[in-house]
Amino acid sequence: MKATEEVYHIYFEKDLEAVVMEWNGYSTSVQFREGTELMLRTLVENKCAKVLADIRNMTLIGMEDQHWLETDFLPRAIASGFRAIAIITPVAYFNKVAVETISYKVDKAKLVISYFDNRKSAEEWIGDFGS
């Protein structure tokens, strides 16, 4: 699945003790959900609680996927130990609004969300989280 590999790259970063998600361009609903589920599996397999989401170049999260994220994925992820996410803010306006809308609805006592303009700041924050 070469196209999927170009849309997202998800891996565990040992130095940060965090899962890193790098998204580029437009992803179909199937790709978005596959990548997001891969993030959760990687988080659980590595017994970590933190994610660095580099979504600067992600185009858009569709309405159905936003709803799925809010009502299905995030409750499961939080129950699996997901506690903090550093988000590198999207350049695309509508994706920025989508991400902010989803995060507004999240229980901040269960999942800490912080936004950054660059990778270095996001890495510093996520690396220090929980230390």
C-alpha atoms as a PDB file:
ATOM      1  CA  MET A   1       0.000   0.000   0.000  1.00  0.00           C
ATOM      2  CA  LYS A   2       2.378   2.657  -1.156  1.00  0.00           C
ATOM      3  CA  ALA A   3      -0.238   5.433  -1.217  1.00  0.00           C
ATOM      4  CA  THR A   4      -1.021   4.927   2.475  1.00  0.00           C
ATOM      5  CA  GLU A   5       2.649   5.161   3.412  1.00  0.00           C
ATOM      6  CA  GLU A   6       2.793   8.560   1.740  1.00  0.00           C
ATOM      7  CA  VAL A   7      -0.269   9.820   3.617  1.00  0.00           C
ATOM      8  CA  TYR A   8       0.892   8.861   7.111  1.00  0.00           C
ATOM      9  CA  HIS A   9       3.973   7.639   8.934  1.00  0.00           C
ATOM     10  CA  ILE A  10       3.456   6.398  12.498  1.00  0.00           C
ATOM     11  CA  TYR A  11       6.209   5.131  14.752  1.00  0.00           C
ATOM     12  CA  PHE A  12       7.481   4.994  18.343  1.00  0.00           C
ATOM     13  CA  GLU A  13      10.194   7.538  19.149  1.00  0.00           C
ATOM     14  CA  LYS A  14      12.243   6.054  21.983  1.00  0.00           C
ATOM     15  CA  ASP A  15      13.976   9.332  22.946  1.00  0.00           C
ATOM     16  CA  LEU A  16      10.618  11.052  23.444  1.00  0.00           C
ATOM     17  CA  GLU A  17       8.902   7.950  24.868  1.00  0.00           C
ATOM     18  CA  ALA A  18       6.042   8.869  22.536  1.00  0.00           C
ATOM     19  CA  VAL A  19       4.276   7.764  19.394  1.00  0.00           C
ATOM     20  CA  VAL A  20       4.856  10.106  16.466  1.00  0.00           C
ATOM     21  CA  MET A  21       2.230  10.579  13.754  1.00  0.00           C
ATOM     22  CA  GLU A  22       3.218  12.422  10.592  1.00  0.00           C
ATOM     23  CA  TRP A  23       0.337  13.141   8.194  1.00  0.00           C
ATOM     24  CA  ASN A  24       0.652  14.599   4.706  1.00  0.00           C
ATOM     25  CA  GLY A  25      -2.056  15.765   2.329  1.00  0.00           C
ATOM     26  CA  TYR A  26      -5.486  14.258   1.957  1.00  0.00           C
ATOM     27  CA  SER A  27      -6.359  10.909   3.489  1.00  0.00           C
ATOM     28  CA  THR A  28      -9.452   8.902   2.718  1.00  0.00           C
ATOM     29  CA  SER A  29     -11.655   7.874   5.621  1.00  0.00           C
ATOM     30  CA  VAL A  30     -10.182   4.360   5.432  1.00  0.00           C
ATOM     31  CA  GLN A  31      -6.609   5.716   5.515  1.00  0.00           C
ATOM     32  CA  PHE A  32      -7.426   8.105   8.368  1.00  0.00           C
ATOM     33  CA  ARG A  33      -8.934   5.356  10.503  1.00  0.00           C
ATOM     34  CA  GLU A  34      -6.169   2.847   9.655  1.00  0.00           C
ATOM     35  CA  GLY A  35      -3.497   5.367  10.613  1.00  0.00           C
ATOM     36  CA  THR A  36      -5.265   6.390  13.783  1.00  0.00           C
ATOM     37  CA  GLU A  37      -5.745   2.760  14.838  1.00  0.00           C
ATOM     38  CA  LEU A  38      -2.056   2.125  14.076  1.00  0.00           C
ATOM     39  CA  MET A  39      -1.194   5.007  16.413  1.00  0.00           C
ATOM     40  CA  LEU A  40      -3.223   3.361  19.194  1.00  0.00           C
ATOM     41  CA  ARG A  41      -1.667  -0.079  18.621  1.00  0.00           C
ATOM     42  CA  THR A  42       1.806   1.484  18.666  1.00  0.00           C
ATOM     43  CA  LEU A  43       0.981   3.358  21.878  1.00  0.00           C
ATOM     44  CA  VAL A  44      -0.272   0.188  23.609  1.00  0.00           C
ATOM     45  CA  GLU A  45       2.575  -2.019  22.319  1.00  0.00           C
ATOM     46  CA  ASN A  46       5.160   0.447  23.654  1.00  0.00           C
ATOM     47  CA  LYS A  47       3.315   1.048  26.940  1.00  0.00           C
ATOM     48  CA  CYS A  48       3.398   4.792  26.499  1.00  0.00           C
ATOM     49  CA  ALA A  49       0.817   7.524  27.004  1.00  0.00           C
ATOM     50  CA  LYS A  50       2.034  10.325  24.728  1.00  0.00           C
ATOM     51  CA  VAL A  51       1.645  11.245  21.073  1.00  0.00           C
ATOM     52  CA  LEU A  52       3.293  13.882  18.925  1.00  0.00           C
ATOM     53  CA  ALA A  53       0.955  14.627  16.013  1.00  0.00           C
ATOM     54  CA  ASP A  54       2.634  16.455  13.155  1.00  0.00           C
ATOM     55  CA  ILE A  55      -0.445  17.360  11.132  1.00  0.00           C
ATOM     56  CA  ARG A  56       0.865  20.590   9.610  1.00  0.00           C
ATOM     57  CA  ASN A  57       0.385  19.225   6.105  1.00  0.00           C
ATOM     58  CA  MET A  58      -2.782  17.202   6.686  1.00  0.00           C
ATOM     59  CA  THR A  59      -5.561  18.544   4.487  1.00  0.00           C
ATOM     60  CA  LEU A  60      -8.798  17.690   6.260  1.00  0.00           C
ATOM     61  CA  ILE A  61     -10.527  15.344   8.701  1.00  0.00           C
ATOM     62  CA  GLY A  62     -13.999  14.623   7.298  1.00  0.00           C
ATOM     63  CA  MET A  63     -17.153  15.142   9.384  1.00  0.00           C
ATOM     64  CA  GLU A  64     -17.850  11.411   9.780  1.00  0.00           C
ATOM     65  CA  ASP A  65     -14.259  10.816  10.873  1.00  0.00           C
ATOM     66  CA  GLN A  66     -14.459  13.702  13.341  1.00  0.00           C
ATOM     67  CA  HIS A  67     -17.544  12.094  14.878  1.00  0.00           C
ATOM     68  CA  TRP A  68     -15.848   8.660  14.940  1.00  0.00           C
ATOM     69  CA  LEU A  69     -12.776  10.178  16.591  1.00  0.00           C
ATOM     70  CA  GLU A  70     -14.851  11.876  19.263  1.00  0.00           C
ATOM     71  CA  THR A  71     -17.334   9.086  20.065  1.00  0.00           C
ATOM     72  CA  ASP A  72     -15.438   5.877  19.307  1.00  0.00           C
ATOM     73  CA  PHE A  73     -11.691   6.267  18.978  1.00  0.00           C
ATOM     74  CA  LEU A  74     -10.796   8.759  21.732  1.00  0.00           C
ATOM     75  CA  PRO A  75     -12.750   6.978  24.493  1.00  0.00           C
ATOM     76  CA  ARG A  76     -10.999   3.692  23.562  1.00  0.00           C
ATOM     77  CA  ALA A  77      -7.605   5.381  23.339  1.00  0.00           C
ATOM     78  CA  ILE A  78      -8.003   7.100  26.708  1.00  0.00           C
ATOM     79  CA  ALA A  79      -9.121   3.799  28.262  1.00  0.00           C
ATOM     80  CA  SER A  80      -5.925   2.266  26.807  1.00  0.00           C
ATOM     81  CA  GLY A  81      -3.681   4.837  28.499  1.00  0.00           C
ATOM     82  CA  PHE A  82      -3.532   7.759  26.029  1.00  0.00           C
ATOM     83  CA  ARG A  83      -2.902  10.825  28.242  1.00  0.00           C
ATOM     84  CA  ALA A  84      -1.192  13.607  26.261  1.00  0.00           C
ATOM     85  CA  ILE A  85      -0.873  14.869  22.709  1.00  0.00           C
ATOM     86  CA  ALA A  86       1.307  17.601  21.246  1.00  0.00           C
ATOM     87  CA  ILE A  87      -0.277  18.814  18.025  1.00  0.00           C
ATOM     88  CA  ILE A  88       1.671  20.748  15.434  1.00  0.00           C
ATOM     89  CA  THR A  89      -1.086  23.011  14.144  1.00  0.00           C
ATOM     90  CA  PRO A  90      -2.395  22.364  10.630  1.00  0.00           C
ATOM     91  CA  VAL A  91      -1.760  24.938   7.927  1.00  0.00           C
ATOM     92  CA  ALA A  92      -5.096  24.179   6.212  1.00  0.00           C
ATOM     93  CA  TYR A  93      -7.761  26.384   7.795  1.00  0.00           C
ATOM     94  CA  PHE A  94     -10.614  23.861   7.719  1.00  0.00           C
ATOM     95  CA  ASN A  95      -8.453  21.139   9.230  1.00  0.00           C
ATOM     96  CA  LYS A  96      -7.342  23.521  11.958  1.00  0.00           C
ATOM     97  CA  VAL A  97     -11.013  24.218  12.759  1.00  0.00           C
ATOM     98  CA  ALA A  98     -11.818  20.473  12.712  1.00  0.00           C
ATOM     99  CA  VAL A  99      -8.977  19.655  15.115  1.00  0.00           C
ATOM    100  CA  GLU A 100      -9.928  22.490  17.472  1.00  0.00           C
ATOM    101  CA  THR A 101     -13.593  21.410  17.414  1.00  0.00           C
ATOM    102  CA  ILE A 102     -12.697  17.831  18.362  1.00  0.00           C
ATOM    103  CA  SER A 103     -10.262  18.867  21.088  1.00  0.00           C
ATOM    104  CA  TYR A 104     -12.784  21.299  22.580  1.00  0.00           C
ATOM    105  CA  LYS A 105     -15.046  18.327  23.362  1.00  0.00           C
ATOM    106  CA  VAL A 106     -12.310  16.230  25.022  1.00  0.00           C
ATOM    107  CA  ASP A 107     -12.229  15.903  28.814  1.00  0.00           C
ATOM    108  CA  LYS A 108      -9.004  17.781  29.626  1.00  0.00           C
ATOM    109  CA  ALA A 109      -8.695  15.871  32.909  1.00  0.00           C
ATOM    110  CA  LYS A 110      -8.271  12.661  30.882  1.00  0.00           C
ATOM    111  CA  LEU A 111      -6.316  13.887  27.838  1.00  0.00           C
ATOM    112  CA  VAL A 112      -4.003  16.904  27.826  1.00  0.00           C
ATOM    113  CA  ILE A 113      -3.823  18.614  24.422  1.00  0.00           C
ATOM    114  CA  SER A 114      -1.266  21.263  23.557  1.00  0.00           C
ATOM    115  CA  TYR A 115      -0.710  23.075  20.243  1.00  0.00           C
ATOM    116  CA  PHE A 116       2.566  24.112  18.679  1.00  0.00           C
ATOM    117  CA  ASP A 117       3.760  25.969  15.579  1.00  0.00           C
ATOM    118  CA  ASN A 118       6.867  23.846  15.112  1.00  0.00           C
ATOM    119  CA  ARG A 119       8.244  20.374  15.710  1.00  0.00           C
ATOM    120  CA  LYS A 120      11.008  21.416  18.104  1.00  0.00           C
ATOM    121  CA  SER A 121       8.601  22.991  20.617  1.00  0.00           C
ATOM    122  CA  ALA A 122       6.216  20.035  20.360  1.00  0.00           C
ATOM    123  CA  GLU A 123       9.073  17.579  20.974  1.00  0.00           C
ATOM    124  CA  GLU A 124      10.283  19.543  24.007  1.00  0.00           C
ATOM    125  CA  TRP A 125       6.806  19.612  25.542  1.00  0.00           C
ATOM    126  CA  ILE A 126       5.933  15.976  24.892  1.00  0.00           C
ATOM    127  CA  GLY A 127       9.401  14.873  26.032  1.00  0.00           C
ATOM    128  CA  ASP A 128       8.923  16.684  29.342  1.00  0.00           C
ATOM    129  CA  PHE A 129       5.297  15.600  29.868  1.00  0.00           C
ATOM    130  CA  GLY A 130       4.934  13.324  32.859  1.00  0.00           C
ATOM    131  CA  SER A 131       8.584  13.681  33.842  1.00  0.00           C
END
